Amino acid sequence: MTTKQASDETVNGKHEMKDSMDQEYDPKKLYRWDGREFIAIETNDVPKLPVTMEALEAVKDVRSAVSRIMATRPDLAIVASAMLLAAAKQGEIAQFVKEYGARIYSM
C-alpha cells in the first residue's frame, strides 16, 4: 500500500465517521460503534440489573467526574459497565462482595 492509498483510506475513514456523527441520534438509546457507524443497541439487548441505592449513587458520582473530564455526560449504563469491568479485575473483589453482602443482609 502506498502512502497516498493509506492517506486516502484515513481521509475516507474520517469522512465515514464524520458522516455517522452528523446523523441524529435518540438520546434515550444506547449506541455502539462498529468501526463504520453507530448502531442502536436494542433495549432488550441491555440487561436490567438491580443495584442498591448506594451503588447507584456511586455510579452517578463517577459519571459526574467523567463528565468533567470528557465535557459530555456518559450514559449510566456505560459508566456502570465500566465500573463493573474494572472491579472484576481487582483481586480483592470477591472478599469485598462477601463483606458487602453480609452488611446489606444484616441491616
N, C-alpha and C. Protein backbone atom coordinates (compact mmCIF):
# COMPACT_ATOMS: atom_id res chain seq x y z
N MET A 1 0.85 -1.17 0.00
CA MET A 1 0.00 0.00 0.00
C MET A 1 0.90 1.24 0.00
N THR A 2 0.58 2.17 -0.86
CA THR A 2 1.37 3.39 -0.93
C THR A 2 0.91 4.36 0.16
N THR A 3 1.74 5.37 0.40
CA THR A 3 1.38 6.40 1.38
C THR A 3 0.11 7.11 0.95
N LYS A 4 -0.03 7.34 -0.36
CA LYS A 4 -1.22 8.01 -0.89
C LYS A 4 -2.46 7.16 -0.60
N GLN A 5 -2.37 5.82 -0.83
CA GLN A 5 -3.52 4.95 -0.56
C GLN A 5 -3.88 4.97 0.92
N ALA A 6 -2.86 4.89 1.77
CA ALA A 6 -3.10 4.91 3.22
C ALA A 6 -3.74 6.24 3.61
N SER A 7 -3.23 7.32 3.03
CA SER A 7 -3.77 8.64 3.33
C SER A 7 -5.23 8.73 2.88
N ASP A 8 -5.52 8.22 1.66
CA ASP A 8 -6.89 8.24 1.16
C ASP A 8 -7.81 7.43 2.07
N GLU A 9 -7.33 6.26 2.54
CA GLU A 9 -8.16 5.44 3.42
C GLU A 9 -8.42 6.16 4.74
N THR A 10 -7.39 6.82 5.27
CA THR A 10 -7.55 7.55 6.52
C THR A 10 -8.57 8.67 6.34
N VAL A 11 -8.43 9.41 5.26
CA VAL A 11 -9.36 10.51 4.99
C VAL A 11 -10.77 9.94 4.80
N ASN A 12 -10.89 8.87 4.01
CA ASN A 12 -12.21 8.27 3.79
C ASN A 12 -12.79 7.77 5.10
N GLY A 13 -11.98 7.16 5.94
CA GLY A 13 -12.45 6.69 7.24
C GLY A 13 -12.94 7.83 8.10
N LYS A 14 -12.23 8.95 8.05
CA LYS A 14 -12.65 10.12 8.82
C LYS A 14 -13.96 10.66 8.28
N HIS A 15 -14.11 10.64 6.94
CA HIS A 15 -15.35 11.12 6.35
C HIS A 15 -16.51 10.22 6.76
N GLU A 16 -16.28 8.89 6.76
CA GLU A 16 -17.35 7.97 7.17
C GLU A 16 -17.75 8.24 8.60
N MET A 17 -16.77 8.44 9.48
CA MET A 17 -17.06 8.70 10.88
C MET A 17 -17.78 10.03 11.03
N LYS A 18 -17.31 11.05 10.30
CA LYS A 18 -17.96 12.37 10.38
C LYS A 18 -19.39 12.27 9.89
N ASP A 19 -19.62 11.54 8.79
CA ASP A 19 -20.98 11.37 8.28
C ASP A 19 -21.85 10.70 9.33
N SER A 20 -21.30 9.70 10.00
CA SER A 20 -22.05 8.99 11.04
C SER A 20 -22.33 9.91 12.22
N MET A 21 -21.36 10.78 12.55
CA MET A 21 -21.52 11.69 13.68
C MET A 21 -22.57 12.76 13.37
N ASP A 22 -22.78 13.05 12.09
CA ASP A 22 -23.76 14.08 11.71
C ASP A 22 -25.19 13.57 11.75
N GLN A 23 -25.38 12.25 11.90
CA GLN A 23 -26.73 11.69 11.97
C GLN A 23 -27.39 12.10 13.27
N GLU A 24 -28.70 12.10 13.28
CA GLU A 24 -29.42 12.40 14.52
C GLU A 24 -29.60 11.12 15.31
N TYR A 25 -29.37 11.22 16.62
CA TYR A 25 -29.47 10.06 17.49
C TYR A 25 -30.48 10.34 18.59
N ASP A 26 -31.17 9.30 18.99
CA ASP A 26 -32.14 9.39 20.08
C ASP A 26 -31.38 9.37 21.40
N PRO A 27 -31.49 10.43 22.21
CA PRO A 27 -30.74 10.48 23.47
C PRO A 27 -31.19 9.43 24.48
N LYS A 28 -32.31 8.77 24.24
CA LYS A 28 -32.80 7.75 25.15
C LYS A 28 -32.30 6.35 24.80
N LYS A 29 -31.49 6.25 23.73
CA LYS A 29 -30.97 4.96 23.29
C LYS A 29 -29.46 4.90 23.49
N LEU A 30 -28.96 3.68 23.63
CA LEU A 30 -27.53 3.44 23.64
C LEU A 30 -27.09 3.08 22.23
N TYR A 31 -25.88 3.49 21.87
CA TYR A 31 -25.32 3.17 20.56
C TYR A 31 -23.94 2.57 20.74
N ARG A 32 -23.55 1.72 19.82
CA ARG A 32 -22.18 1.19 19.80
C ARG A 32 -21.58 1.49 18.44
N TRP A 33 -20.28 1.68 18.42
CA TRP A 33 -19.55 1.99 17.19
C TRP A 33 -19.06 0.67 16.60
N ASP A 34 -19.41 0.38 15.36
CA ASP A 34 -18.98 -0.88 14.74
C ASP A 34 -17.76 -0.70 13.84
N GLY A 35 -17.13 0.45 13.91
CA GLY A 35 -15.97 0.74 13.08
C GLY A 35 -16.31 1.61 11.89
N ARG A 36 -17.59 1.65 11.54
CA ARG A 36 -18.02 2.48 10.42
C ARG A 36 -19.16 3.42 10.79
N GLU A 37 -20.02 2.97 11.70
CA GLU A 37 -21.17 3.78 12.07
C GLU A 37 -21.65 3.41 13.47
N PHE A 38 -22.47 4.28 14.04
CA PHE A 38 -23.09 3.99 15.32
C PHE A 38 -24.36 3.19 15.08
N ILE A 39 -24.50 2.10 15.82
CA ILE A 39 -25.67 1.24 15.69
C ILE A 39 -26.41 1.25 17.02
N ALA A 40 -27.72 1.45 16.96
CA ALA A 40 -28.53 1.47 18.18
C ALA A 40 -28.54 0.08 18.80
N ILE A 41 -28.39 0.04 20.12
CA ILE A 41 -28.47 -1.21 20.86
C ILE A 41 -29.92 -1.34 21.30
N GLU A 42 -30.53 -2.44 20.94
CA GLU A 42 -31.93 -2.65 21.32
C GLU A 42 -32.04 -2.77 22.83
N THR A 43 -33.10 -2.24 23.39
CA THR A 43 -33.26 -2.26 24.84
C THR A 43 -33.32 -3.67 25.40
N ASN A 44 -33.83 -4.62 24.64
CA ASN A 44 -33.87 -5.99 25.14
C ASN A 44 -32.49 -6.64 25.12
N ASP A 45 -31.50 -5.99 24.48
CA ASP A 45 -30.11 -6.47 24.49
C ASP A 45 -29.35 -5.93 25.70
N VAL A 46 -29.95 -4.99 26.43
CA VAL A 46 -29.33 -4.40 27.61
C VAL A 46 -30.03 -4.99 28.83
N PRO A 47 -29.34 -5.86 29.56
CA PRO A 47 -29.99 -6.49 30.71
C PRO A 47 -30.27 -5.50 31.83
N LYS A 48 -31.34 -5.74 32.53
CA LYS A 48 -31.69 -4.93 33.70
C LYS A 48 -30.98 -5.55 34.90
N LEU A 49 -30.27 -4.75 35.65
CA LEU A 49 -29.52 -5.24 36.79
C LEU A 49 -29.87 -4.41 38.01
N PRO A 50 -30.63 -4.98 38.94
CA PRO A 50 -30.97 -4.20 40.13
C PRO A 50 -29.73 -3.96 40.99
N VAL A 51 -29.62 -2.75 41.49
CA VAL A 51 -28.50 -2.39 42.37
C VAL A 51 -29.04 -1.62 43.57
N THR A 52 -28.26 -1.53 44.60
CA THR A 52 -28.66 -0.76 45.78
C THR A 52 -28.60 0.73 45.44
N MET A 53 -29.29 1.51 46.24
CA MET A 53 -29.25 2.97 46.04
C MET A 53 -27.82 3.49 46.27
N GLU A 54 -27.13 2.88 47.20
CA GLU A 54 -25.74 3.26 47.46
C GLU A 54 -24.88 3.07 46.21
N ALA A 55 -25.07 1.94 45.53
CA ALA A 55 -24.32 1.67 44.30
C ALA A 55 -24.72 2.64 43.19
N LEU A 56 -26.02 2.92 43.08
CA LEU A 56 -26.48 3.87 42.06
C LEU A 56 -25.88 5.25 42.28
N GLU A 57 -25.80 5.67 43.53
CA GLU A 57 -25.19 6.97 43.83
C GLU A 57 -23.71 6.97 43.46
N ALA A 58 -23.02 5.85 43.69
CA ALA A 58 -21.60 5.74 43.31
C ALA A 58 -21.45 5.87 41.80
N VAL A 59 -22.34 5.24 41.05
CA VAL A 59 -22.29 5.34 39.58
C VAL A 59 -22.53 6.78 39.15
N LYS A 60 -23.48 7.44 39.78
CA LYS A 60 -23.76 8.84 39.43
C LYS A 60 -22.57 9.74 39.76
N ASP A 61 -21.90 9.47 40.89
CA ASP A 61 -20.72 10.25 41.26
C ASP A 61 -19.60 10.08 40.23
N VAL A 62 -19.39 8.84 39.81
CA VAL A 62 -18.35 8.59 38.80
C VAL A 62 -18.73 9.24 37.48
N ARG A 63 -20.02 9.17 37.12
CA ARG A 63 -20.46 9.81 35.87
C ARG A 63 -20.19 11.31 35.93
N SER A 64 -20.43 11.94 37.07
CA SER A 64 -20.16 13.38 37.20
C SER A 64 -18.68 13.68 37.00
N ALA A 65 -17.82 12.84 37.60
CA ALA A 65 -16.37 13.02 37.45
C ALA A 65 -15.96 12.85 35.99
N VAL A 66 -16.51 11.85 35.33
CA VAL A 66 -16.19 11.61 33.91
C VAL A 66 -16.70 12.75 33.06
N SER A 67 -17.86 13.28 33.40
CA SER A 67 -18.44 14.40 32.64
C SER A 67 -17.51 15.61 32.64
N ARG A 68 -16.89 15.86 33.78
CA ARG A 68 -15.96 17.00 33.86
C ARG A 68 -14.72 16.76 32.98
N ILE A 69 -14.28 15.54 32.89
CA ILE A 69 -13.09 15.21 32.10
C ILE A 69 -13.40 15.21 30.61
N MET A 70 -14.55 14.62 30.23
CA MET A 70 -14.89 14.43 28.82
C MET A 70 -15.68 15.58 28.22
N ALA A 71 -16.23 16.44 29.04
CA ALA A 71 -17.11 17.53 28.58
C ALA A 71 -18.35 16.97 27.89
N THR A 72 -18.77 15.77 28.30
CA THR A 72 -20.01 15.16 27.84
C THR A 72 -20.52 14.29 28.96
N ARG A 73 -21.78 13.96 28.95
CA ARG A 73 -22.38 13.18 30.02
C ARG A 73 -22.62 11.75 29.54
N PRO A 74 -21.80 10.80 29.98
CA PRO A 74 -21.97 9.42 29.51
C PRO A 74 -23.22 8.78 30.11
N ASP A 75 -23.77 7.84 29.41
CA ASP A 75 -24.94 7.10 29.86
C ASP A 75 -24.60 6.31 31.12
N LEU A 76 -25.56 6.22 32.04
CA LEU A 76 -25.33 5.47 33.28
C LEU A 76 -24.94 4.02 33.01
N ALA A 77 -25.52 3.40 31.98
CA ALA A 77 -25.20 2.01 31.67
C ALA A 77 -23.73 1.85 31.28
N ILE A 78 -23.19 2.83 30.56
CA ILE A 78 -21.78 2.79 30.17
C ILE A 78 -20.89 2.92 31.40
N VAL A 79 -21.23 3.87 32.27
CA VAL A 79 -20.44 4.09 33.49
C VAL A 79 -20.49 2.86 34.38
N ALA A 80 -21.69 2.33 34.61
CA ALA A 80 -21.84 1.15 35.47
C ALA A 80 -21.08 -0.05 34.88
N SER A 81 -21.17 -0.23 33.58
CA SER A 81 -20.46 -1.34 32.94
C SER A 81 -18.96 -1.21 33.10
N ALA A 82 -18.44 0.00 32.89
CA ALA A 82 -17.00 0.23 33.04
C ALA A 82 -16.57 -0.02 34.48
N MET A 83 -17.39 0.42 35.43
CA MET A 83 -17.05 0.21 36.84
C MET A 83 -17.04 -1.28 37.19
N LEU A 84 -18.03 -2.00 36.71
CA LEU A 84 -18.09 -3.44 36.99
C LEU A 84 -16.91 -4.18 36.37
N LEU A 85 -16.56 -3.83 35.15
CA LEU A 85 -15.43 -4.48 34.48
C LEU A 85 -14.12 -4.17 35.20
N ALA A 86 -13.96 -2.93 35.65
CA ALA A 86 -12.75 -2.55 36.38
C ALA A 86 -12.70 -3.28 37.73
N ALA A 87 -13.84 -3.36 38.42
CA ALA A 87 -13.88 -4.04 39.72
C ALA A 87 -13.59 -5.52 39.58
N ALA A 88 -14.06 -6.12 38.49
CA ALA A 88 -13.86 -7.56 38.28
C ALA A 88 -12.38 -7.91 38.14
N LYS A 89 -11.57 -6.94 37.75
CA LYS A 89 -10.13 -7.18 37.59
C LYS A 89 -9.37 -7.06 38.90
N GLN A 90 -10.04 -6.58 39.94
CA GLN A 90 -9.38 -6.41 41.24
C GLN A 90 -9.35 -7.74 41.97
N GLY A 91 -8.22 -8.10 42.49
CA GLY A 91 -8.07 -9.37 43.18
C GLY A 91 -8.91 -9.50 44.43
N GLU A 92 -9.16 -8.40 45.11
CA GLU A 92 -9.89 -8.45 46.38
C GLU A 92 -11.40 -8.29 46.22
N ILE A 93 -11.90 -8.30 45.00
CA ILE A 93 -13.33 -8.06 44.79
C ILE A 93 -14.20 -9.13 45.42
N ALA A 94 -13.79 -10.38 45.40
CA ALA A 94 -14.61 -11.45 45.99
C ALA A 94 -14.80 -11.22 47.48
N GLN A 95 -13.74 -10.83 48.17
CA GLN A 95 -13.83 -10.56 49.60
C GLN A 95 -14.72 -9.35 49.86
N PHE A 96 -14.59 -8.33 49.03
CA PHE A 96 -15.44 -7.14 49.18
C PHE A 96 -16.91 -7.50 49.02
N VAL A 97 -17.23 -8.32 48.00
CA VAL A 97 -18.62 -8.73 47.77
C VAL A 97 -19.14 -9.51 48.98
N LYS A 98 -18.32 -10.39 49.51
CA LYS A 98 -18.72 -11.17 50.69
C LYS A 98 -19.05 -10.23 51.86
N GLU A 99 -18.18 -9.28 52.13
CA GLU A 99 -18.39 -8.35 53.25
C GLU A 99 -19.57 -7.41 53.00
N TYR A 100 -19.71 -6.95 51.76
CA TYR A 100 -20.82 -6.06 51.42
C TYR A 100 -22.15 -6.79 51.57
N GLY A 101 -22.21 -8.00 51.06
CA GLY A 101 -23.43 -8.81 51.20
C GLY A 101 -23.80 -9.04 52.64
N ALA A 102 -22.80 -9.35 53.47
CA ALA A 102 -23.05 -9.56 54.90
C ALA A 102 -23.60 -8.29 55.54
N ARG A 103 -23.05 -7.15 55.15
CA ARG A 103 -23.50 -5.88 55.71
C ARG A 103 -24.93 -5.56 55.25
N ILE A 104 -25.23 -5.78 54.00
CA ILE A 104 -26.57 -5.48 53.46
C ILE A 104 -27.62 -6.40 54.11
N TYR A 105 -27.30 -7.69 54.20
CA TYR A 105 -28.29 -8.63 54.74
C TYR A 105 -28.44 -8.55 56.25
N SER A 106 -27.51 -7.89 56.92
CA SER A 106 -27.62 -7.78 58.38
C SER A 106 -28.33 -6.49 58.81
N MET A 107 -28.74 -5.67 57.85
CA MET A 107 -29.42 -4.41 58.17
C MET A 107 -30.82 -4.64 58.67
